[in-house]
Amino acid sequence: MKQQTKLSQKQEHITEQQTQSQAAKEFSNADELLRFDAAQTAVPPEIAERLKKSAEKIQPPEARSWWKNLLGH
């Protein structure tokens, strides 16, 4: 009986520590929060495929000379 009590107390302590470590996240800005969330969230395969197809359709911008950028031409 004492053995079971010790085990349950250890389990409660471990669970409490895990809960505290997960709840104590602070972010300096929204970008940091979004990066953290993206790393924790798995993207469904259907969405990943649609995103890949959409990204393939996007054309890169034309390279412009630095002086055209500077003068606005």
PDB file of N, CA and C in Angstrom:
ATOM      1  N   MET A   1       0.813  -1.196   0.000  1.00  0.00           N
ATOM      2  CA  MET A   1       0.000   0.000   0.000  1.00  0.00           C
ATOM      3  C   MET A   1       0.857   1.261   0.000  1.00  0.00           C
ATOM      4  N   LYS A   2       1.893   1.279   0.817  1.00  0.00           N
ATOM      5  CA  LYS A   2       2.779   2.436   0.867  1.00  0.00           C
ATOM      6  C   LYS A   2       3.483   2.628  -0.470  1.00  0.00           C
ATOM      7  N   GLN A   3       3.802   1.509  -1.129  1.00  0.00           N
ATOM      8  CA  GLN A   3       4.474   1.564  -2.431  1.00  0.00           C
ATOM      9  C   GLN A   3       3.582   2.283  -3.443  1.00  0.00           C
ATOM     10  N   GLN A   4       2.297   1.953  -3.450  1.00  0.00           N
ATOM     11  CA  GLN A   4       1.369   2.573  -4.386  1.00  0.00           C
ATOM     12  C   GLN A   4       1.201   4.058  -4.094  1.00  0.00           C
ATOM     13  N   THR A   5       1.185   4.427  -2.843  1.00  0.00           N
ATOM     14  CA  THR A   5       1.047   5.830  -2.461  1.00  0.00           C
ATOM     15  C   THR A   5       2.246   6.630  -2.947  1.00  0.00           C
ATOM     16  N   LYS A   6       3.442   6.084  -2.785  1.00  0.00           N
ATOM     17  CA  LYS A   6       4.642   6.776  -3.248  1.00  0.00           C
ATOM     18  C   LYS A   6       4.627   6.937  -4.760  1.00  0.00           C
ATOM     19  N   LEU A   7       4.217   5.883  -5.476  1.00  0.00           N
ATOM     20  CA  LEU A   7       4.162   5.963  -6.932  1.00  0.00           C
ATOM     21  C   LEU A   7       3.147   7.008  -7.384  1.00  0.00           C
ATOM     22  N   SER A   8       1.994   7.026  -6.774  1.00  0.00           N
ATOM     23  CA  SER A   8       0.981   7.992  -7.188  1.00  0.00           C
ATOM     24  C   SER A   8       1.424   9.420  -6.868  1.00  0.00           C
ATOM     25  N   GLN A   9       2.120   9.616  -5.764  1.00  0.00           N
ATOM     26  CA  GLN A   9       2.629  10.944  -5.434  1.00  0.00           C
ATOM     27  C   GLN A   9       3.686  11.378  -6.443  1.00  0.00           C
ATOM     28  N   LYS A  10       4.547  10.460  -6.873  1.00  0.00           N
ATOM     29  CA  LYS A  10       5.561  10.792  -7.878  1.00  0.00           C
ATOM     30  C   LYS A  10       4.899  11.136  -9.197  1.00  0.00           C
ATOM     31  N   GLN A  11       3.889  10.373  -9.586  1.00  0.00           N
ATOM     32  CA  GLN A  11       3.190  10.643 -10.840  1.00  0.00           C
ATOM     33  C   GLN A  11       2.505  12.003 -10.806  1.00  0.00           C
ATOM     34  N   GLU A  12       1.884  12.324  -9.681  1.00  0.00           N
ATOM     35  CA  GLU A  12       1.234  13.633  -9.546  1.00  0.00           C
ATOM     36  C   GLU A  12       2.250  14.758  -9.638  1.00  0.00           C
ATOM     37  N   HIS A  13       3.397  14.566  -9.016  1.00  0.00           N
ATOM     38  CA  HIS A  13       4.451  15.576  -9.039  1.00  0.00           C
ATOM     39  C   HIS A  13       4.971  15.779 -10.461  1.00  0.00           C
ATOM     40  N   ILE A  14       5.200  14.692 -11.174  1.00  0.00           N
ATOM     41  CA  ILE A  14       5.694  14.779 -12.554  1.00  0.00           C
ATOM     42  C   ILE A  14       4.660  15.463 -13.434  1.00  0.00           C
ATOM     43  N   THR A  15       3.404  15.094 -13.293  1.00  0.00           N
ATOM     44  CA  THR A  15       2.332  15.709 -14.079  1.00  0.00           C
ATOM     45  C   THR A  15       2.238  17.201 -13.794  1.00  0.00           C
ATOM     46  N   GLU A  16       2.366  17.572 -12.530  1.00  0.00           N
ATOM     47  CA  GLU A  16       2.314  18.984 -12.149  1.00  0.00           C
ATOM     48  C   GLU A  16       3.470  19.759 -12.770  1.00  0.00           C
ATOM     49  N   GLN A  17       4.661  19.188 -12.785  1.00  0.00           N
ATOM     50  CA  GLN A  17       5.823  19.854 -13.377  1.00  0.00           C
ATOM     51  C   GLN A  17       5.631  20.037 -14.871  1.00  0.00           C
ATOM     52  N   GLN A  18       5.107  19.028 -15.550  1.00  0.00           N
ATOM     53  CA  GLN A  18       4.889  19.116 -16.990  1.00  0.00           C
ATOM     54  C   GLN A  18       3.869  20.189 -17.310  1.00  0.00           C
ATOM     55  N   THR A  19       2.820  20.266 -16.536  1.00  0.00           N
ATOM     56  CA  THR A  19       1.788  21.277 -16.751  1.00  0.00           C
ATOM     57  C   THR A  19       2.351  22.679 -16.556  1.00  0.00           C
ATOM     58  N   GLN A  20       3.153  22.877 -15.525  1.00  0.00           N
ATOM     59  CA  GLN A  20       3.740  24.186 -15.275  1.00  0.00           C
ATOM     60  C   GLN A  20       4.704  24.576 -16.378  1.00  0.00           C
ATOM     61  N   SER A  21       5.496  23.640 -16.884  1.00  0.00           N
ATOM     62  CA  SER A  21       6.464  23.983 -17.923  1.00  0.00           C
ATOM     63  C   SER A  21       5.771  24.318 -19.238  1.00  0.00           C
ATOM     64  N   GLN A  22       4.634  23.685 -19.514  1.00  0.00           N
ATOM     65  CA  GLN A  22       3.916  23.964 -20.747  1.00  0.00           C
ATOM     66  C   GLN A  22       3.148  25.281 -20.666  1.00  0.00           C
ATOM     67  N   ALA A  23       2.678  25.650 -19.514  1.00  0.00           N
ATOM     68  CA  ALA A  23       1.849  26.835 -19.377  1.00  0.00           C
ATOM     69  C   ALA A  23       2.665  28.125 -19.269  1.00  0.00           C
ATOM     70  N   ALA A  24       3.954  28.054 -19.022  1.00  0.00           N
ATOM     71  CA  ALA A  24       4.754  29.243 -18.749  1.00  0.00           C
ATOM     72  C   ALA A  24       5.527  29.725 -19.973  1.00  0.00           C
ATOM     73  N   LYS A  25       4.867  29.855 -21.100  1.00  0.00           N
ATOM     74  CA  LYS A  25       5.515  30.354 -22.311  1.00  0.00           C
ATOM     75  C   LYS A  25       5.144  31.818 -22.510  1.00  0.00           C
ATOM     76  N   GLU A  26       6.159  32.649 -22.703  1.00  0.00           N
ATOM     77  CA  GLU A  26       5.921  34.044 -23.037  1.00  0.00           C
ATOM     78  C   GLU A  26       6.698  34.362 -24.303  1.00  0.00           C
ATOM     79  N   PHE A  27       6.122  35.185 -25.148  1.00  0.00           N
ATOM     80  CA  PHE A  27       6.733  35.527 -26.423  1.00  0.00           C
ATOM     81  C   PHE A  27       6.912  37.036 -26.512  1.00  0.00           C
ATOM     82  N   SER A  28       8.003  37.445 -27.126  1.00  0.00           N
ATOM     83  CA  SER A  28       8.282  38.872 -27.219  1.00  0.00           C
ATOM     84  C   SER A  28       7.453  39.548 -28.309  1.00  0.00           C
ATOM     85  N   ASN A  29       7.020  38.783 -29.309  1.00  0.00           N
ATOM     86  CA  ASN A  29       6.178  39.365 -30.353  1.00  0.00           C
ATOM     87  C   ASN A  29       5.321  38.279 -31.001  1.00  0.00           C
ATOM     88  N   ALA A  30       4.422  38.678 -31.876  1.00  0.00           N
ATOM     89  CA  ALA A  30       3.492  37.741 -32.505  1.00  0.00           C
ATOM     90  C   ALA A  30       4.213  36.768 -33.445  1.00  0.00           C
ATOM     91  N   ASP A  31       5.253  37.227 -34.129  1.00  0.00           N
ATOM     92  CA  ASP A  31       5.990  36.343 -35.035  1.00  0.00           C
ATOM     93  C   ASP A  31       6.594  35.161 -34.294  1.00  0.00           C
ATOM     94  N   GLU A  32       7.144  35.424 -33.128  1.00  0.00           N
ATOM     95  CA  GLU A  32       7.738  34.359 -32.322  1.00  0.00           C
ATOM     96  C   GLU A  32       6.667  33.350 -31.901  1.00  0.00           C
ATOM     97  N   LEU A  33       5.499  33.835 -31.542  1.00  0.00           N
ATOM     98  CA  LEU A  33       4.388  32.965 -31.178  1.00  0.00           C
ATOM     99  C   LEU A  33       3.973  32.094 -32.357  1.00  0.00           C
ATOM    100  N   LEU A  34       3.850  32.699 -33.536  1.00  0.00           N
ATOM    101  CA  LEU A  34       3.440  31.943 -34.720  1.00  0.00           C
ATOM    102  C   LEU A  34       4.467  30.887 -35.106  1.00  0.00           C
ATOM    103  N   ARG A  35       5.758  31.220 -34.995  1.00  0.00           N
ATOM    104  CA  ARG A  35       6.799  30.225 -35.303  1.00  0.00           C
ATOM    105  C   ARG A  35       6.726  29.054 -34.330  1.00  0.00           C
ATOM    106  N   PHE A  36       6.523  29.354 -33.050  1.00  0.00           N
ATOM    107  CA  PHE A  36       6.419  28.294 -32.044  1.00  0.00           C
ATOM    108  C   PHE A  36       5.211  27.410 -32.337  1.00  0.00           C
ATOM    109  N   ASP A  37       4.094  28.036 -32.641  1.00  0.00           N
ATOM    110  CA  ASP A  37       2.875  27.280 -32.919  1.00  0.00           C
ATOM    111  C   ASP A  37       3.021  26.428 -34.170  1.00  0.00           C
ATOM    112  N   ALA A  38       3.656  26.971 -35.204  1.00  0.00           N
ATOM    113  CA  ALA A  38       3.856  26.212 -36.438  1.00  0.00           C
ATOM    114  C   ALA A  38       4.741  24.991 -36.205  1.00  0.00           C
ATOM    115  N   ALA A  39       5.722  25.117 -35.330  1.00  0.00           N
ATOM    116  CA  ALA A  39       6.602  23.991 -35.031  1.00  0.00           C
ATOM    117  C   ALA A  39       5.861  22.902 -34.260  1.00  0.00           C
ATOM    118  N   GLN A  40       4.822  23.275 -33.522  1.00  0.00           N
ATOM    119  CA  GLN A  40       4.074  22.306 -32.716  1.00  0.00           C
ATOM    120  C   GLN A  40       2.913  21.669 -33.471  1.00  0.00           C
ATOM    121  N   THR A  41       2.501  22.269 -34.589  1.00  0.00           N
ATOM    122  CA  THR A  41       1.308  21.832 -35.297  1.00  0.00           C
ATOM    123  C   THR A  41       1.671  21.126 -36.590  1.00  0.00           C
ATOM    124  N   ALA A  42       1.137  19.932 -36.782  1.00  0.00           N
ATOM    125  CA  ALA A  42       1.365  19.182 -38.019  1.00  0.00           C
ATOM    126  C   ALA A  42       0.396  19.674 -39.091  1.00  0.00           C
ATOM    127  N   VAL A  43       0.899  19.869 -40.300  1.00  0.00           N
ATOM    128  CA  VAL A  43       0.070  20.316 -41.411  1.00  0.00           C
ATOM    129  C   VAL A  43      -0.563  19.087 -42.057  1.00  0.00           C
ATOM    130  N   PRO A  44      -1.891  19.086 -42.244  1.00  0.00           N
ATOM    131  CA  PRO A  44      -2.541  17.946 -42.901  1.00  0.00           C
ATOM    132  C   PRO A  44      -2.000  17.772 -44.326  1.00  0.00           C
ATOM    133  N   PRO A  45      -1.861  16.537 -44.797  1.00  0.00           N
ATOM    134  CA  PRO A  45      -1.275  16.293 -46.125  1.00  0.00           C
ATOM    135  C   PRO A  45      -2.014  17.004 -47.259  1.00  0.00           C
ATOM    136  N   GLU A  46      -3.351  17.098 -47.179  1.00  0.00           N
ATOM    137  CA  GLU A  46      -4.107  17.763 -48.250  1.00  0.00           C
ATOM    138  C   GLU A  46      -3.740  19.241 -48.339  1.00  0.00           C
ATOM    139  N   ILE A  47      -3.601  19.868 -47.185  1.00  0.00           N
ATOM    140  CA  ILE A  47      -3.248  21.292 -47.152  1.00  0.00           C
ATOM    141  C   ILE A  47      -1.824  21.496 -47.652  1.00  0.00           C
ATOM    142  N   ALA A  48      -0.922  20.624 -47.261  1.00  0.00           N
ATOM    143  CA  ALA A  48       0.476  20.728 -47.699  1.00  0.00           C
ATOM    144  C   ALA A  48       0.570  20.610 -49.213  1.00  0.00           C
ATOM    145  N   GLU A  49      -0.209  19.708 -49.797  1.00  0.00           N
ATOM    146  CA  GLU A  49      -0.196  19.534 -51.257  1.00  0.00           C
ATOM    147  C   GLU A  49      -0.745  20.771 -51.954  1.00  0.00           C
ATOM    148  N   ARG A  50      -1.846  21.329 -51.454  1.00  0.00           N
ATOM    149  CA  ARG A  50      -2.414  22.543 -52.051  1.00  0.00           C
ATOM    150  C   ARG A  50      -1.450  23.715 -51.945  1.00  0.00           C
ATOM    151  N   LEU A  51      -0.783  23.828 -50.810  1.00  0.00           N
ATOM    152  CA  LEU A  51       0.186  24.912 -50.619  1.00  0.00           C
ATOM    153  C   LEU A  51       1.362  24.768 -51.584  1.00  0.00           C
ATOM    154  N   LYS A  52       1.825  23.549 -51.766  1.00  0.00           N
ATOM    155  CA  LYS A  52       2.937  23.296 -52.688  1.00  0.00           C
ATOM    156  C   LYS A  52       2.551  23.683 -54.121  1.00  0.00           C
ATOM    157  N   LYS A  53       1.345  23.316 -54.540  1.00  0.00           N
ATOM    158  CA  LYS A  53       0.889  23.660 -55.892  1.00  0.00           C
ATOM    159  C   LYS A  53       0.756  25.174 -56.060  1.00  0.00           C
ATOM    160  N   SER A  54       0.242  25.838 -55.048  1.00  0.00           N
ATOM    161  CA  SER A  54       0.097  27.300 -55.115  1.00  0.00           C
ATOM    162  C   SER A  54       1.453  27.987 -55.189  1.00  0.00           C
ATOM    163  N   ALA A  55       2.412  27.486 -54.426  1.00  0.00           N
ATOM    164  CA  ALA A  55       3.746  28.096 -54.411  1.00  0.00           C
ATOM    165  C   ALA A  55       4.445  27.917 -55.751  1.00  0.00           C
ATOM    166  N   GLU A  56       4.177  26.832 -56.444  1.00  0.00           N
ATOM    167  CA  GLU A  56       4.789  26.599 -57.752  1.00  0.00           C
ATOM    168  C   GLU A  56       4.283  27.593 -58.795  1.00  0.00           C
ATOM    169  N   LYS A  57       3.057  28.084 -58.631  1.00  0.00           N
ATOM    170  CA  LYS A  57       2.461  29.017 -59.583  1.00  0.00           C
ATOM    171  C   LYS A  57       3.015  30.434 -59.446  1.00  0.00           C
ATOM    172  N   ILE A  58       3.567  30.775 -58.302  1.00  0.00           N
ATOM    173  CA  ILE A  58       4.049  32.132 -58.055  1.00  0.00           C
ATOM    174  C   ILE A  58       5.354  32.361 -58.814  1.00  0.00           C
ATOM    175  N   GLN A  59       5.385  33.449 -59.575  1.00  0.00           N
ATOM    176  CA  GLN A  59       6.580  33.801 -60.338  1.00  0.00           C
ATOM    177  C   GLN A  59       7.465  34.719 -59.497  1.00  0.00           C
ATOM    178  N   PRO A  60       8.777  34.478 -59.510  1.00  0.00           N
ATOM    179  CA  PRO A  60       9.662  35.388 -58.771  1.00  0.00           C
ATOM    180  C   PRO A  60       9.690  36.760 -59.458  1.00  0.00           C
ATOM    181  N   PRO A  61       9.870  37.832 -58.715  1.00  0.00           N
ATOM    182  CA  PRO A  61       9.914  39.162 -59.322  1.00  0.00           C
ATOM    183  C   PRO A  61      11.152  39.303 -60.212  1.00  0.00           C
ATOM    184  N   GLU A  62      11.015  40.164 -61.223  1.00  0.00           N
ATOM    185  CA  GLU A  62      12.144  40.404 -62.125  1.00  0.00           C
ATOM    186  C   GLU A  62      13.266  41.109 -61.380  1.00  0.00           C
ATOM    187  N   ALA A  63      14.484  40.709 -61.711  1.00  0.00           N
ATOM    188  CA  ALA A  63      15.644  41.367 -61.103  1.00  0.00           C
ATOM    189  C   ALA A  63      15.792  42.754 -61.727  1.00  0.00           C
ATOM    190  N   ARG A  64      15.960  43.768 -60.873  1.00  0.00           N
ATOM    191  CA  ARG A  64      16.124  45.136 -61.355  1.00  0.00           C
ATOM    192  C   ARG A  64      17.471  45.654 -60.917  1.00  0.00           C
ATOM    193  N   SER A  65      18.002  46.538 -61.705  1.00  0.00           N
ATOM    194  CA  SER A  65      19.268  47.171 -61.356  1.00  0.00           C
ATOM    195  C   SER A  65      19.097  48.022 -60.113  1.00  0.00           C
ATOM    196  N   TRP A  66      20.160  48.160 -59.346  1.00  0.00           N
ATOM    197  CA  TRP A  66      20.092  48.924 -58.110  1.00  0.00           C
ATOM    198  C   TRP A  66      19.768  50.389 -58.405  1.00  0.00           C
ATOM    199  N   TRP A  67      20.260  50.898 -59.541  1.00  0.00           N
ATOM    200  CA  TRP A  67      20.024  52.305 -59.828  1.00  0.00           C
ATOM    201  C   TRP A  67      18.573  52.533 -60.254  1.00  0.00           C
ATOM    202  N   LYS A  68      17.922  51.533 -60.859  1.00  0.00           N
ATOM    203  CA  LYS A  68      16.493  51.669 -61.196  1.00  0.00           C
ATOM    204  C   LYS A  68      15.660  51.678 -59.914  1.00  0.00           C
ATOM    205  N   ASN A  69      16.040  50.853 -58.965  1.00  0.00           N
ATOM    206  CA  ASN A  69      15.342  50.844 -57.681  1.00  0.00           C
ATOM    207  C   ASN A  69      15.500  52.179 -56.967  1.00  0.00           C
ATOM    208  N   LEU A  70      16.718  52.728 -57.030  1.00  0.00           N
ATOM    209  CA  LEU A  70      17.011  53.979 -56.359  1.00  0.00           C
ATOM    210  C   LEU A  70      16.240  55.149 -56.975  1.00  0.00           C
ATOM    211  N   LEU A  71      16.177  55.184 -58.308  1.00  0.00           N
ATOM    212  CA  LEU A  71      15.517  56.289 -59.009  1.00  0.00           C
ATOM    213  C   LEU A  71      14.033  56.044 -59.214  1.00  0.00           C
ATOM    214  N   GLY A  72      13.566  54.838 -58.932  1.00  0.00           N
ATOM    215  CA  GLY A  72      12.132  54.544 -59.094  1.00  0.00           C
ATOM    216  C   GLY A  72      11.712  54.315 -60.524  1.00  0.00           C
ATOM    217  N   HIS A  73      12.615  53.916 -61.380  1.00  0.00           N
ATOM    218  CA  HIS A  73      12.278  53.661 -62.788  1.00  0.00           C
ATOM    219  C   HIS A  73      11.885  52.227 -62.994  1.00  0.00           C
TER     220      HIS A  73
END
